[in-house]
Structures are given as C-alpha cells and as structure tokens.
Amino acid sequence: MAPKSFSSFLVIYLILLASAMLGDGKSSSIAGWQVISNLTDPKVVEIAKFAVKEHNKRAITILKLVSVIKGETQIVDGKNYRVVIIARDGLKAMTAESNYRVVVWDKPWKKERRVTSFEKIA
C-alpha cells in the first residue's frame, strides 16, 4: 500500500511543480520572483539609486543612473529587488550607456539595505 500512496503523492507533486513552472510567464516563477509593473515607482527608483551609490563607493566609480528598464521582487527575510538599469559614467559627457543587473536586499523595518549583486550585462 505504501508504494501506491507514494506514487500518488509524486504525481500530485509533479503536477503542482509543472503548473508553477509554466504559470502565465508574467507574474511569478518557481523562485518566487514577481515582475515589477511600475518601473518608475519611487521605491524602485530609490532602490536603483541606492545600488549605484553603493557601487560607486566600492568600485571608486562615478556611475549615474539613467533609468530602470526591468525589475522583479522576491519576498525573503525582507525583500529582494532584482532590477536592470541603464547607467553612464558621470565624469565623461559623451560616455556610452551600459546595462547592469543589480540585486538589492531591503529590510526597511530594521533600516537594513545592501547590494548583493551589481554586474554589467550586454
């Protein structure tokens, strides 16, 4: 009897897993990321500016945020923001813009925030 109930459990688990993975492709994924629909939301822009400021401190650069072009959030012990931004070198007037993928962890009720990833992408 045990093998039959295990196989029933396995079938149900696989069905739930497949439906979570297929989903609507817009709002969530298996990892729990939710698409940010309003990229000009003041909180999203604040997070992007914070990431650039912290990156500038660490890398001794002067990047300037141009815009946020994509974003997702994930609820963890706080909230992760994964955003794609456009930035340019603030020292050079005619510098080309570059895209960066940034992850910021935010826990506002404890006033904790940190950049966990900042990478240039093509």
C-alpha atoms as a PDB file:
ATOM      1  CA  MET A   1       0.000   0.000   0.000  1.00  0.00           C
ATOM      2  CA  ALA A   2       2.851   2.398   0.748  1.00  0.00           C
ATOM      3  CA  PRO A   3       4.239   2.393  -2.820  1.00  0.00           C
ATOM      4  CA  LYS A   4       0.815   3.345  -4.227  1.00  0.00           C
ATOM      5  CA  SER A   5       0.404   6.334  -1.884  1.00  0.00           C
ATOM      6  CA  PHE A   6       3.962   7.447  -2.608  1.00  0.00           C
ATOM      7  CA  SER A   7       3.357   7.335  -6.346  1.00  0.00           C
ATOM      8  CA  SER A   8       0.094   9.282  -5.906  1.00  0.00           C
ATOM      9  CA  PHE A   9       1.963  11.888  -3.894  1.00  0.00           C
ATOM     10  CA  LEU A  10       4.702  12.036  -6.537  1.00  0.00           C
ATOM     11  CA  VAL A  11       2.175  12.558  -9.351  1.00  0.00           C
ATOM     12  CA  ILE A  12       0.436  15.382  -7.455  1.00  0.00           C
ATOM     13  CA  TYR A  13       3.797  16.970  -6.637  1.00  0.00           C
ATOM     14  CA  LEU A  14       4.916  16.845 -10.283  1.00  0.00           C
ATOM     15  CA  ILE A  15       1.634  18.355 -11.476  1.00  0.00           C
ATOM     16  CA  LEU A  16       1.942  21.226  -8.990  1.00  0.00           C
ATOM     17  CA  LEU A  17       5.585  21.756  -9.903  1.00  0.00           C
ATOM     18  CA  ALA A  18       4.815  21.828 -13.629  1.00  0.00           C
ATOM     19  CA  SER A  19       1.958  24.296 -13.194  1.00  0.00           C
ATOM     20  CA  ALA A  20       4.166  26.570 -11.085  1.00  0.00           C
ATOM     21  CA  MET A  21       6.899  26.469 -13.702  1.00  0.00           C
ATOM     22  CA  LEU A  22       4.580  27.094 -16.647  1.00  0.00           C
ATOM     23  CA  GLY A  23       2.350  29.698 -14.997  1.00  0.00           C
ATOM     24  CA  ASP A  24       1.473  32.796 -17.001  1.00  0.00           C
ATOM     25  CA  GLY A  25       5.117  33.725 -17.505  1.00  0.00           C
ATOM     26  CA  LYS A  26       4.485  37.286 -16.287  1.00  0.00           C
ATOM     27  CA  SER A  27       3.932  37.434 -12.585  1.00  0.00           C
ATOM     28  CA  SER A  28       5.892  34.689 -10.891  1.00  0.00           C
ATOM     29  CA  SER A  29       8.343  31.870 -11.196  1.00  0.00           C
ATOM     30  CA  ILE A  30       9.349  28.848  -9.193  1.00  0.00           C
ATOM     31  CA  ALA A  31      11.838  31.002  -7.272  1.00  0.00           C
ATOM     32  CA  GLY A  32       9.078  33.405  -6.199  1.00  0.00           C
ATOM     33  CA  TRP A  33      10.126  36.435  -8.219  1.00  0.00           C
ATOM     34  CA  GLN A  34       7.295  38.870  -9.059  1.00  0.00           C
ATOM     35  CA  VAL A  35       7.511  41.257 -12.006  1.00  0.00           C
ATOM     36  CA  ILE A  36       7.542  44.961 -11.089  1.00  0.00           C
ATOM     37  CA  SER A  37       4.912  46.550 -13.300  1.00  0.00           C
ATOM     38  CA  ASN A  38       5.680  50.197 -12.456  1.00  0.00           C
ATOM     39  CA  LEU A  39       9.395  50.781 -13.016  1.00  0.00           C
ATOM     40  CA  THR A  40       9.042  54.492 -12.192  1.00  0.00           C
ATOM     41  CA  ASP A  41       7.617  53.749  -8.737  1.00  0.00           C
ATOM     42  CA  PRO A  42       9.562  55.951  -6.270  1.00  0.00           C
ATOM     43  CA  LYS A  43      10.595  52.902  -4.191  1.00  0.00           C
ATOM     44  CA  VAL A  44      12.040  51.146  -7.262  1.00  0.00           C
ATOM     45  CA  VAL A  45      13.945  54.267  -8.329  1.00  0.00           C
ATOM     46  CA  GLU A  46      15.201  54.714  -4.745  1.00  0.00           C
ATOM     47  CA  ILE A  47      16.489  51.123  -4.739  1.00  0.00           C
ATOM     48  CA  ALA A  48      18.250  51.657  -8.097  1.00  0.00           C
ATOM     49  CA  LYS A  49      19.842  54.914  -6.922  1.00  0.00           C
ATOM     50  CA  PHE A  50      20.990  53.222  -3.725  1.00  0.00           C
ATOM     51  CA  ALA A  51      22.618  50.424  -5.746  1.00  0.00           C
ATOM     52  CA  VAL A  52      24.505  52.881  -7.965  1.00  0.00           C
ATOM     53  CA  LYS A  53      25.637  54.930  -4.965  1.00  0.00           C
ATOM     54  CA  GLU A  54      26.917  51.840  -3.131  1.00  0.00           C
ATOM     55  CA  HIS A  55      28.609  50.510  -6.271  1.00  0.00           C
ATOM     56  CA  ASN A  56      30.346  53.869  -6.748  1.00  0.00           C
ATOM     57  CA  LYS A  57      31.708  53.683  -3.188  1.00  0.00           C
ATOM     58  CA  ARG A  58      33.025  50.133  -3.611  1.00  0.00           C
ATOM     59  CA  ALA A  59      34.363  50.397  -7.156  1.00  0.00           C
ATOM     60  CA  ILE A  60      35.504  54.031  -6.912  1.00  0.00           C
ATOM     61  CA  THR A  61      33.490  54.985  -9.979  1.00  0.00           C
ATOM     62  CA  ILE A  62      31.001  57.735 -10.737  1.00  0.00           C
ATOM     63  CA  LEU A  63      28.141  55.979 -12.469  1.00  0.00           C
ATOM     64  CA  LYS A  64      24.916  57.944 -12.921  1.00  0.00           C
ATOM     65  CA  LEU A  65      21.546  56.207 -13.076  1.00  0.00           C
ATOM     66  CA  VAL A  66      19.716  56.840 -16.355  1.00  0.00           C
ATOM     67  CA  SER A  67      16.680  54.568 -15.880  1.00  0.00           C
ATOM     68  CA  VAL A  68      15.296  51.273 -14.650  1.00  0.00           C
ATOM     69  CA  ILE A  69      14.299  49.065 -17.589  1.00  0.00           C
ATOM     70  CA  LYS A  70      13.242  45.821 -15.895  1.00  0.00           C
ATOM     71  CA  GLY A  71      12.542  44.659 -12.384  1.00  0.00           C
ATOM     72  CA  GLU A  72      11.374  41.888 -10.114  1.00  0.00           C
ATOM     73  CA  THR A  73      10.895  41.474  -6.391  1.00  0.00           C
ATOM     74  CA  GLN A  74      11.130  38.460  -4.129  1.00  0.00           C
ATOM     75  CA  ILE A  75       9.880  38.220  -0.568  1.00  0.00           C
ATOM     76  CA  VAL A  76      12.580  36.835   1.697  1.00  0.00           C
ATOM     77  CA  ASP A  77      13.540  37.958   5.200  1.00  0.00           C
ATOM     78  CA  GLY A  78      12.832  41.402   3.814  1.00  0.00           C
ATOM     79  CA  LYS A  79      12.595  41.919   0.070  1.00  0.00           C
ATOM     80  CA  ASN A  80      14.995  41.367  -2.807  1.00  0.00           C
ATOM     81  CA  TYR A  81      14.834  43.751  -5.742  1.00  0.00           C
ATOM     82  CA  ARG A  82      16.392  42.468  -8.959  1.00  0.00           C
ATOM     83  CA  VAL A  83      16.489  45.304 -11.467  1.00  0.00           C
ATOM     84  CA  VAL A  84      18.141  46.003 -14.777  1.00  0.00           C
ATOM     85  CA  ILE A  85      19.296  49.590 -15.027  1.00  0.00           C
ATOM     86  CA  ILE A  86      20.919  51.827 -17.580  1.00  0.00           C
ATOM     87  CA  ALA A  87      23.814  53.907 -16.232  1.00  0.00           C
ATOM     88  CA  ARG A  88      26.610  56.027 -17.665  1.00  0.00           C
ATOM     89  CA  ASP A  89      29.949  57.279 -16.417  1.00  0.00           C
ATOM     90  CA  GLY A  90      29.258  60.626 -14.777  1.00  0.00           C
ATOM     91  CA  LEU A  91      32.746  62.016 -15.479  1.00  0.00           C
ATOM     92  CA  LYS A  92      32.542  61.792 -19.245  1.00  0.00           C
ATOM     93  CA  ALA A  93      29.989  63.928 -21.061  1.00  0.00           C
ATOM     94  CA  MET A  94      29.724  61.704 -24.133  1.00  0.00           C
ATOM     95  CA  THR A  95      30.041  58.324 -22.467  1.00  0.00           C
ATOM     96  CA  ALA A  96      28.079  55.345 -23.757  1.00  0.00           C
ATOM     97  CA  GLU A  97      25.330  53.948 -21.586  1.00  0.00           C
ATOM     98  CA  SER A  98      25.638  50.423 -20.198  1.00  0.00           C
ATOM     99  CA  ASN A  99      23.164  47.963 -18.728  1.00  0.00           C
ATOM    100  CA  TYR A 100      23.633  46.497 -15.269  1.00  0.00           C
ATOM    101  CA  ARG A 101      21.772  43.762 -13.394  1.00  0.00           C
ATOM    102  CA  VAL A 102      21.504  44.691  -9.748  1.00  0.00           C
ATOM    103  CA  VAL A 103      20.142  42.863  -6.710  1.00  0.00           C
ATOM    104  CA  VAL A 104      19.382  44.818  -3.545  1.00  0.00           C
ATOM    105  CA  TRP A 105      18.123  43.270  -0.327  1.00  0.00           C
ATOM    106  CA  ASP A 106      15.918  45.608   1.702  1.00  0.00           C
ATOM    107  CA  LYS A 107      14.523  45.262   5.229  1.00  0.00           C
ATOM    108  CA  PRO A 108      13.006  48.700   5.883  1.00  0.00           C
ATOM    109  CA  TRP A 109      11.549  47.978   9.315  1.00  0.00           C
ATOM    110  CA  LYS A 110      15.111  47.382  10.565  1.00  0.00           C
ATOM    111  CA  LYS A 111      16.631  50.075   8.330  1.00  0.00           C
ATOM    112  CA  GLU A 112      18.832  47.480   6.641  1.00  0.00           C
ATOM    113  CA  ARG A 113      19.650  47.524   2.945  1.00  0.00           C
ATOM    114  CA  ARG A 114      22.556  46.145   0.938  1.00  0.00           C
ATOM    115  CA  VAL A 115      23.625  45.491  -2.612  1.00  0.00           C
ATOM    116  CA  THR A 116      24.120  41.748  -3.053  1.00  0.00           C
ATOM    117  CA  SER A 117      24.972  41.855  -6.768  1.00  0.00           C
ATOM    118  CA  PHE A 118      25.959  44.517  -9.303  1.00  0.00           C
ATOM    119  CA  GLU A 119      27.068  43.260 -12.712  1.00  0.00           C
ATOM    120  CA  LYS A 120      27.461  44.755 -16.153  1.00  0.00           C
ATOM    121  CA  ILE A 121      25.443  42.917 -18.786  1.00  0.00           C
ATOM    122  CA  ALA A 122      25.396  43.040 -22.567  1.00  0.00           C
END
